[in-house]
C-alpha cells in the first residue's frame, strides 16, 4: 500500500509547485503592470512639461517677431521718411557729435533698414488674419537682414514663411508643424540641444503593448526607456526656457529703445517743419537731435540683425552679448 501514498505525496508536491509558479507569475504580472504604469506616468509628465515649455517659448518668439514688425512699421518708417528729407547731412562738422557718429547708420545699413521696414509694413496686414504667422515666428527667431538684402519684399516674406514651414525648430514652436511630417514635438526636441529623440519614439507603443505581457524584463526595459525619454525632454525643456528668456530680453530691450526713439523722431519731425531740410542750417542742438535719432535707429537695427537661434536651433552666442554691448555704446554717446 505504500505506492498510492507515494503518488499522493508526489501529486501534492507537484500541485504545490504549480501553485507556487502561479503565485510567482501573478506577482511578476502585477509588478510588470505597475512598472508599465509608472513608465506611462513618466512619459505623460515629461510630455506635458515639454508641451507647456514649447507653447510658452513659441509665444515669446512670436511676441518678439511682432515687436520687431511694430517698431519697424510705427517708428522706423516715419524716421526713414524724415531722414530722407534732409540734405547736406555731415556730422563730422558738427560740434560735439564725434562720439555719436560711431552709432549712426551708414548708407548700406540705412538701405538695409529701409528694406526691413518695407517688409514689416507689408506684413502688418497679414498679422490679424494669421496669414504671415510663419514669417512672424521666423522673424522673431532669426535675423532677416540677409534674406531681405537680395530679395524683393514678396519673395522675402515667402522665404521666411517657407523657412518656418520646413524648419523643424520653428515647426516645434508652432511655425508650420503640419509641414514637418512625423516630427511634431519629438522632431523639434531633436533639434533643440542636439537631442536624438528616435529611441524615445518607440516608448509609447512598447509600453501599451507590454501591459498585457507577463514579461517583467520587458516592463523594466519600458521603464528605462521612459526614464531616458524624460531626461531628453528635460534637456529640451531647459533649451525652451533659455530661448524664451532670451526672446523676452530682446523684446524688453527693443521696447526700451523705442521708448527713447519715438520722441526723438517726433522732435526731428518738428525741427524739419520749422527749419526746412538743409541740415547745415540747424543749430548744434538740433543737429544733435537728428544724430541721436540716427544712433537709436542704428541700435535698433543691431538688435534686428542678431538672431536668437543658430542654424541648429540652439541659442546663438551673439544674442547673449549684443544687448549689453548696445546698451554700453548708447550710454557712452547719449549723454
Protein backbone atom coordinates (compact mmCIF):
# COMPACT_ATOMS: atom_id res chain seq x y z
CA UNK A 1 0.00 0.00 0.00
CA UNK A 2 2.86 2.45 0.21
CA UNK A 3 2.77 3.09 -3.57
CA UNK A 4 -0.55 5.01 -3.60
CA UNK A 5 0.77 7.18 -0.80
CA UNK A 6 3.85 7.93 -2.87
CA UNK A 7 1.65 9.01 -5.77
CA UNK A 8 -0.44 11.15 -3.47
CA UNK A 9 2.65 12.73 -1.97
CA UNK A 10 4.11 13.34 -5.41
CA UNK A 11 0.83 14.88 -6.52
CA UNK A 12 0.80 17.18 -3.55
CA UNK A 13 4.36 18.28 -4.25
CA UNK A 14 3.65 18.82 -7.95
CA UNK A 15 0.46 20.72 -7.15
CA UNK A 16 2.35 22.81 -4.65
CA UNK A 17 4.93 23.70 -7.27
CA UNK A 18 2.19 24.62 -9.71
CA UNK A 19 0.53 26.88 -7.18
CA UNK A 20 3.92 28.44 -6.42
CA UNK A 21 4.53 29.16 -10.08
CA UNK A 22 1.08 30.67 -10.43
CA UNK A 23 1.68 32.90 -7.44
CA UNK A 24 5.08 33.91 -8.84
CA UNK A 25 3.55 34.62 -12.25
CA UNK A 26 0.83 36.69 -10.61
CA UNK A 27 3.37 38.68 -8.62
CA UNK A 28 5.50 39.22 -11.74
CA UNK A 29 2.45 40.27 -13.75
CA UNK A 30 1.39 42.70 -11.03
CA UNK A 31 4.89 44.19 -10.88
CA UNK A 32 5.05 44.35 -14.67
CA UNK A 33 1.74 46.19 -14.81
CA UNK A 34 2.78 48.62 -12.08
CA UNK A 35 6.14 49.20 -13.74
CA UNK A 36 4.47 49.92 -17.07
CA UNK A 37 2.03 52.27 -15.37
CA UNK A 38 4.97 54.13 -13.83
CA UNK A 39 6.61 54.30 -17.25
CA UNK A 40 3.44 55.71 -18.79
CA UNK A 41 3.16 58.26 -15.97
CA UNK A 42 6.75 59.39 -16.55
CA UNK A 43 6.06 59.82 -20.25
CA UNK A 44 2.83 61.74 -19.62
CA UNK A 45 4.52 64.11 -17.16
CA UNK A 46 7.52 64.67 -19.44
CA UNK A 47 5.27 65.26 -22.46
CA UNK A 48 3.08 67.69 -20.52
CA UNK A 49 6.16 69.61 -19.35
CA UNK A 50 7.72 69.93 -22.81
CA UNK A 51 4.38 70.91 -24.32
CA UNK A 52 3.98 73.73 -21.80
CA UNK A 53 7.55 74.89 -22.38
CA UNK A 54 7.04 74.66 -26.14
CA UNK A 55 3.93 76.85 -26.07
CA UNK A 56 5.49 79.46 -23.76
CA UNK A 57 8.64 79.59 -25.85
CA UNK A 58 6.68 79.82 -29.11
CA UNK A 59 4.62 82.71 -27.73
CA UNK A 60 7.80 84.54 -26.65
CA UNK A 61 9.35 84.16 -30.11
CA UNK A 62 6.13 85.26 -31.82
CA UNK A 63 5.86 88.27 -29.48
CA UNK A 64 9.42 89.25 -30.38
CA UNK A 65 8.60 88.94 -34.08
CA UNK A 66 5.53 91.13 -33.60
CA UNK A 67 7.57 93.67 -31.64
CA UNK A 68 10.11 93.88 -34.48
CA UNK A 69 7.36 94.40 -37.03
CA UNK A 70 5.64 97.00 -34.86
CA UNK A 71 8.77 99.09 -34.32
CA UNK A 72 9.76 98.88 -37.97
CA UNK A 73 6.31 99.96 -39.13
CA UNK A 74 5.40 102.52 -36.47
CA UNK A 75 8.75 104.10 -35.54
CA UNK A 76 11.42 103.25 -38.11
CA UNK A 77 9.12 104.05 -41.05
CA UNK A 78 8.49 107.70 -40.07
CA UNK A 79 12.14 108.12 -39.09
CA UNK A 80 13.25 106.98 -42.55
CA UNK A 81 10.78 109.38 -44.15
CA UNK A 82 12.26 112.25 -42.15
CA UNK A 83 15.90 111.21 -42.66
CA UNK A 84 15.37 111.11 -46.42
CA UNK A 85 14.12 114.70 -46.44
CA UNK A 86 17.42 116.03 -45.11
CA UNK A 87 20.14 117.45 -47.33
CA UNK A 88 23.83 118.07 -46.70
CA UNK A 89 23.99 115.92 -43.58
CA UNK A 90 27.57 115.90 -42.31
CA UNK A 91 28.04 115.14 -38.66
CA UNK A 92 31.82 115.44 -38.66
CA UNK A 93 31.46 119.21 -39.00
CA UNK A 94 29.06 119.40 -36.11
CA UNK A 95 30.28 120.38 -32.68
CA UNK A 96 30.22 117.67 -30.03
CA UNK A 97 28.90 114.87 -32.25
CA UNK A 98 32.10 112.88 -32.72
CA UNK A 99 31.03 110.06 -30.42
CA UNK A 100 27.52 109.88 -31.87
CA UNK A 101 28.94 109.27 -35.33
CA UNK A 102 30.09 105.83 -34.20
CA UNK A 103 26.47 104.73 -33.79
CA UNK A 104 24.93 106.46 -36.81
CA UNK A 105 23.82 104.33 -39.75
CA UNK A 106 25.96 104.34 -42.86
CA UNK A 107 24.35 104.29 -46.34
CA UNK A 108 24.42 100.50 -46.62
CA UNK A 109 22.90 99.95 -43.18
CA UNK A 110 20.28 102.62 -43.86
CA UNK A 111 19.28 100.86 -47.10
CA UNK A 112 19.02 97.53 -45.27
CA UNK A 113 16.91 99.08 -42.52
CA UNK A 114 14.66 100.65 -45.14
CA UNK A 115 14.14 97.26 -46.78
CA UNK A 116 13.39 95.65 -43.41
CA UNK A 117 10.85 98.39 -42.74
CA UNK A 118 9.20 97.90 -46.12
CA UNK A 119 8.92 94.18 -45.46
CA UNK A 120 7.48 94.74 -41.98
CA UNK A 121 4.90 97.20 -43.25
CA UNK A 122 3.77 94.70 -45.89
CA UNK A 123 3.38 92.07 -43.14
CA UNK A 124 1.17 94.20 -40.91
CA UNK A 125 -1.97 93.50 -42.90
CA UNK A 126 -1.48 89.75 -42.69
CA UNK A 127 -0.86 89.64 -38.94
CA UNK A 128 -4.52 89.98 -37.96
CA UNK A 129 -5.58 87.19 -40.29
CA UNK A 130 -2.68 84.93 -39.35
CA UNK A 131 -1.55 84.79 -42.98
CA UNK A 132 2.05 85.61 -42.04
CA UNK A 133 2.22 83.60 -38.82
CA UNK A 134 5.14 81.52 -40.06
CA UNK A 135 7.01 84.63 -41.13
CA UNK A 136 6.45 86.24 -37.72
CA UNK A 137 7.89 83.16 -35.98
CA UNK A 138 10.90 83.10 -38.28
CA UNK A 139 11.40 86.86 -37.93
CA UNK A 140 11.36 86.52 -34.15
CA UNK A 141 13.87 83.67 -34.10
CA UNK A 142 16.29 84.71 -36.80
CA UNK A 143 17.88 87.74 -38.40
CA UNK A 144 16.11 88.60 -41.62
CA UNK A 145 18.71 91.07 -42.89
CA UNK A 146 20.46 88.57 -45.16
CA UNK A 147 17.25 87.40 -46.78
CA UNK A 148 15.92 90.90 -47.35
CA UNK A 149 19.14 92.33 -48.72
CA UNK A 150 18.77 90.48 -52.03
CA UNK A 151 15.09 89.58 -52.24
CA UNK A 152 12.03 91.59 -53.14
CA UNK A 153 9.57 92.15 -50.33
CA UNK A 154 7.13 89.48 -51.51
CA UNK A 155 9.88 86.93 -52.02
CA UNK A 156 11.38 87.75 -48.65
CA UNK A 157 8.13 87.08 -46.82
CA UNK A 158 7.61 83.90 -48.80
CA UNK A 159 11.10 82.72 -47.97
CA UNK A 160 10.51 83.37 -44.27
CA UNK A 161 7.19 81.55 -44.32
CA UNK A 162 8.80 78.69 -46.17
CA UNK A 163 11.61 78.50 -43.64
CA UNK A 164 9.11 78.35 -40.82
CA UNK A 165 7.18 75.58 -42.55
CA UNK A 166 10.18 73.34 -43.24
CA UNK A 167 12.44 74.08 -40.27
CA UNK A 168 11.87 71.53 -37.52
CA UNK A 169 12.80 74.00 -34.79
CA UNK A 170 10.30 76.60 -35.95
CA UNK A 171 7.71 73.89 -36.51
CA UNK A 172 8.30 72.82 -32.93
CA UNK A 173 7.41 76.34 -31.78
CA UNK A 174 4.29 76.45 -33.92
CA UNK A 175 5.62 77.96 -37.13
CA UNK A 176 4.44 75.24 -39.50
CA UNK A 177 4.20 71.91 -37.72
CA UNK A 178 1.94 70.40 -40.40
CA UNK A 179 4.66 70.75 -42.99
CA UNK A 180 7.18 68.79 -40.93
CA UNK A 181 5.66 65.36 -41.34
CA UNK A 182 6.09 62.96 -38.46
CA UNK A 183 8.31 65.24 -36.40
CA UNK A 184 5.98 67.11 -34.08
CA UNK A 185 7.28 67.60 -30.54
CA UNK A 186 9.96 64.96 -30.73
CA UNK A 187 11.27 66.31 -34.03
CA UNK A 188 11.61 69.77 -32.56
CA UNK A 189 13.18 68.35 -29.43
CA UNK A 190 15.70 66.50 -31.56
CA UNK A 191 16.81 69.85 -32.95
CA UNK A 192 16.94 71.62 -29.61
CA UNK A 193 20.17 70.87 -27.82
CA UNK A 194 21.19 68.29 -30.42
CA UNK A 195 18.92 65.64 -28.91
CA UNK A 196 18.39 62.29 -30.57
CA UNK A 197 14.74 61.52 -29.87
CA UNK A 198 14.46 58.49 -32.16
CA UNK A 199 14.70 55.80 -29.46
CA UNK A 200 12.02 57.53 -27.42
CA UNK A 201 9.58 57.36 -30.31
CA UNK A 202 9.16 53.63 -29.66
CA UNK A 203 8.38 54.04 -25.97
CA UNK A 204 4.67 54.76 -26.35
CA UNK A 205 3.87 51.66 -28.39
CA UNK A 206 6.03 49.34 -26.31
CA UNK A 207 4.52 50.49 -23.04
CA UNK A 208 0.99 49.95 -24.27
CA UNK A 209 1.87 46.59 -25.84
CA UNK A 210 3.62 45.35 -22.74
CA UNK A 211 0.63 45.91 -20.42
CA UNK A 212 -0.83 42.56 -21.41
CA UNK A 213 2.53 40.80 -21.20
CA UNK A 214 3.80 38.86 -18.22
CA UNK A 215 7.38 39.60 -19.22
CA UNK A 216 8.76 41.60 -16.33
CA UNK A 217 12.02 42.21 -18.19
CA UNK A 218 10.09 43.94 -20.96
CA UNK A 219 8.39 46.17 -18.38
CA UNK A 220 11.76 47.07 -16.86
CA UNK A 221 13.00 47.87 -20.37
CA UNK A 222 10.00 50.13 -20.94
CA UNK A 223 10.63 51.88 -17.64
CA UNK A 224 14.28 52.51 -18.59
CA UNK A 225 13.20 53.93 -21.95
CA UNK A 226 10.61 56.12 -20.27
CA UNK A 227 13.30 57.49 -17.95
CA UNK A 228 15.53 58.19 -20.95
CA UNK A 229 12.69 59.94 -22.72
CA UNK A 230 12.05 62.06 -19.62
CA UNK A 231 15.71 63.06 -19.42
CA UNK A 232 15.70 64.07 -23.09
CA UNK A 233 12.56 66.13 -22.65
CA UNK A 234 14.06 67.83 -19.58
CA UNK A 235 17.04 68.91 -21.68
CA UNK A 236 14.67 70.17 -24.38
CA UNK A 237 12.60 72.00 -21.75
CA UNK A 238 15.72 73.77 -20.45
CA UNK A 239 16.53 74.82 -24.02
CA UNK A 240 12.99 76.15 -24.42
CA UNK A 241 13.24 78.10 -21.19
CA UNK A 242 16.56 79.62 -22.26
CA UNK A 243 15.16 80.64 -25.65
CA UNK A 244 12.04 82.09 -24.04
CA UNK A 245 14.10 84.20 -21.65
CA UNK A 246 16.39 85.43 -24.44
CA UNK A 247 13.38 86.32 -26.61
CA UNK A 248 11.77 88.19 -23.72
CA UNK A 249 15.05 90.05 -23.06
CA UNK A 250 15.23 91.17 -26.71
CA UNK A 251 11.58 92.21 -26.61
CA UNK A 252 12.06 94.32 -23.48
CA UNK A 253 15.23 95.92 -24.85
CA UNK A 254 13.62 96.81 -28.17
CA UNK A 255 10.72 98.33 -26.26
CA UNK A 256 13.11 100.42 -24.14
CA UNK A 257 15.00 101.59 -27.24
CA UNK A 258 11.75 102.53 -28.93
CA UNK A 259 10.65 104.50 -25.87
CA UNK A 260 13.62 106.78 -26.47
CA UNK A 261 13.49 106.60 -30.28
CA UNK A 262 9.88 107.69 -30.82
CA UNK A 263 10.20 111.09 -29.05
CA UNK A 264 13.44 111.76 -30.98
CA UNK A 265 11.71 111.06 -34.28
CA UNK A 266 8.86 113.36 -33.30
CA UNK A 267 11.29 116.11 -32.28
CA UNK A 268 13.24 115.69 -35.52
CA UNK A 269 9.98 116.00 -37.48
CA UNK A 270 9.19 119.28 -35.73
CA UNK A 271 12.67 120.62 -36.39
CA UNK A 272 12.38 119.86 -40.12
CA UNK A 273 8.96 121.56 -40.26
CA UNK A 274 10.43 124.62 -38.60
CA UNK A 275 13.92 124.74 -40.17
CA UNK A 276 13.48 123.04 -43.50
CA UNK A 277 15.60 120.22 -44.89
CA UNK A 278 19.06 121.82 -45.08
CA UNK A 279 20.97 120.21 -42.23
CA UNK A 280 23.64 122.93 -42.37
CA UNK A 281 21.11 125.49 -41.12
CA UNK A 282 20.28 123.54 -38.00
CA UNK A 283 21.61 124.63 -34.62
CA UNK A 284 24.07 122.36 -32.84
CA UNK A 285 21.30 121.19 -30.51
CA UNK A 286 19.02 120.42 -33.45
CA UNK A 287 21.82 118.54 -35.21
CA UNK A 288 22.32 116.54 -32.06
CA UNK A 289 18.65 115.50 -32.04
CA UNK A 290 19.00 114.19 -35.61
CA UNK A 291 22.22 112.41 -34.74
CA UNK A 292 20.69 110.81 -31.66
CA UNK A 293 17.69 109.64 -33.67
CA UNK A 294 20.02 108.11 -36.25
CA UNK A 295 22.07 106.48 -33.50
CA UNK A 296 18.95 104.96 -31.97
CA UNK A 297 17.94 103.66 -35.39
CA UNK A 298 21.37 102.06 -35.62
CA UNK A 299 20.96 100.49 -32.18
CA UNK A 300 17.58 99.06 -33.13
CA UNK A 301 19.00 97.65 -36.35
CA UNK A 302 21.81 95.92 -34.45
CA UNK A 303 19.18 94.06 -32.41
CA UNK A 304 17.13 93.24 -35.51
CA UNK A 305 20.27 91.88 -37.17
CA UNK A 306 21.04 89.49 -34.31
CA UNK A 307 19.41 86.04 -34.47
CA UNK A 308 18.12 84.42 -31.30
CA UNK A 309 18.81 80.92 -32.66
CA UNK A 310 21.62 79.44 -34.72
CA UNK A 311 21.14 77.01 -37.61
CA UNK A 312 20.98 74.06 -35.20
CA UNK A 313 18.15 75.55 -33.17
CA UNK A 314 20.34 76.50 -30.20
CA UNK A 315 20.74 79.94 -28.65
CA UNK A 316 23.17 81.94 -30.76
CA UNK A 317 26.33 83.16 -28.96
CA UNK A 318 25.99 86.70 -30.34
CA UNK A 319 22.47 87.09 -28.90
CA UNK A 320 23.93 86.72 -25.41
CA UNK A 321 26.21 89.73 -25.85
CA UNK A 322 24.51 92.16 -28.23
CA UNK A 323 22.08 93.70 -25.73
CA UNK A 324 24.78 94.57 -23.22
CA UNK A 325 27.16 95.82 -25.91
CA UNK A 326 24.47 98.03 -27.45
CA UNK A 327 23.46 99.38 -24.06
CA UNK A 328 27.07 100.25 -23.21
CA UNK A 329 27.58 102.06 -26.53
CA UNK A 330 24.42 104.08 -26.06
CA UNK A 331 25.43 105.07 -22.55
CA UNK A 332 28.72 106.38 -23.96
CA UNK A 333 27.15 108.56 -26.66
CA UNK A 334 23.67 109.51 -25.39
CA UNK A 335 24.68 111.95 -22.71
